[in-house]
Amino acid sequence: MVTDAVYSRVTGTTHIYLQQRHAGIPVYNAQLQVNVNREGRIISVNNGFLPGIAQSVRTLQPRIQM
């Protein structure tokens, strides 16, 4: 899900941010950033998504771990 798109007038670059979700719940600190230049070409991608999250999740109930 796209959470934000920020345009830089200085560089002409658009920074697009996507948030990973699992079962509709945002995954903490799991973000993908795509940077697009003024011509519409992707110049870089920073991927912080967690692969295989469906196999790693034990519960969908939030809890505070102490």
Protein backbone atom coordinates (compact mmCIF):
# COMPACT_ATOMS: atom_id res chain seq x y z
CA MET A 1 0.00 0.00 0.00
CA VAL A 2 1.38 3.43 -0.95
CA THR A 3 1.63 5.52 2.21
CA ASP A 4 3.28 8.63 0.83
CA ALA A 5 4.73 10.25 -2.28
CA VAL A 6 7.08 13.19 -1.87
CA TYR A 7 8.28 15.38 -4.73
CA SER A 8 11.58 17.28 -4.49
CA ARG A 9 11.62 20.51 -6.49
CA VAL A 10 15.39 20.70 -6.09
CA THR A 11 16.19 17.34 -7.75
CA GLY A 12 12.93 16.65 -9.61
CA THR A 13 12.81 13.28 -7.90
CA THR A 14 9.63 11.70 -6.53
CA HIS A 15 10.06 9.43 -3.53
CA ILE A 16 7.27 6.84 -3.23
CA TYR A 17 6.84 4.93 0.03
CA LEU A 18 4.96 1.65 0.42
CA GLN A 19 4.11 -0.04 3.72
CA GLN A 20 4.03 -3.83 3.97
CA ARG A 21 0.90 -5.30 5.51
CA HIS A 22 -0.04 -8.77 6.63
CA ALA A 23 -3.73 -9.63 7.12
CA GLY A 24 -4.46 -5.90 6.93
CA ILE A 25 -2.04 -5.05 9.75
CA PRO A 26 0.94 -2.78 8.98
CA VAL A 27 4.26 -4.57 9.55
CA TYR A 28 6.48 -2.48 11.82
CA ASN A 29 9.47 -0.94 10.02
CA ALA A 30 8.73 -2.81 6.75
CA GLN A 31 8.82 -0.17 4.06
CA LEU A 32 9.74 -0.08 0.39
CA GLN A 33 10.93 3.17 -1.17
CA VAL A 34 11.01 3.80 -4.93
CA ASN A 35 12.78 6.91 -6.23
CA VAL A 36 11.71 8.16 -9.66
CA ASN A 37 13.48 10.91 -11.60
CA ARG A 38 11.76 13.74 -13.48
CA GLU A 39 11.67 11.63 -16.69
CA GLY A 40 9.71 8.88 -14.90
CA ARG A 41 12.60 6.41 -14.64
CA ILE A 42 13.25 4.46 -11.48
CA ILE A 43 16.64 5.49 -10.16
CA SER A 44 16.71 3.38 -6.98
CA VAL A 45 14.70 1.05 -4.78
CA ASN A 46 15.21 0.50 -1.06
CA ASN A 47 13.46 -2.66 0.11
CA GLY A 48 12.75 -3.20 3.79
CA PHE A 49 9.89 -5.67 3.25
CA LEU A 50 10.04 -8.92 5.21
CA PRO A 51 9.94 -11.97 2.93
CA GLY A 52 7.92 -15.01 3.99
CA ILE A 53 6.07 -13.12 6.70
CA ALA A 54 2.96 -15.33 6.42
CA GLN A 55 5.01 -18.34 7.55
CA SER A 56 6.58 -16.39 10.43
CA VAL A 57 3.46 -14.92 12.05
CA ARG A 58 2.08 -16.94 14.95
CA THR A 59 -0.81 -14.66 15.92
CA LEU A 60 -2.62 -11.58 14.67
CA GLN A 61 -3.39 -10.38 18.20
CA PRO A 62 -1.13 -7.51 19.29
CA ARG A 63 0.66 -7.86 22.62
CA ILE A 64 3.36 -6.19 24.64
CA GLN A 65 6.27 -8.48 25.24
CA MET A 66 8.14 -8.03 28.51
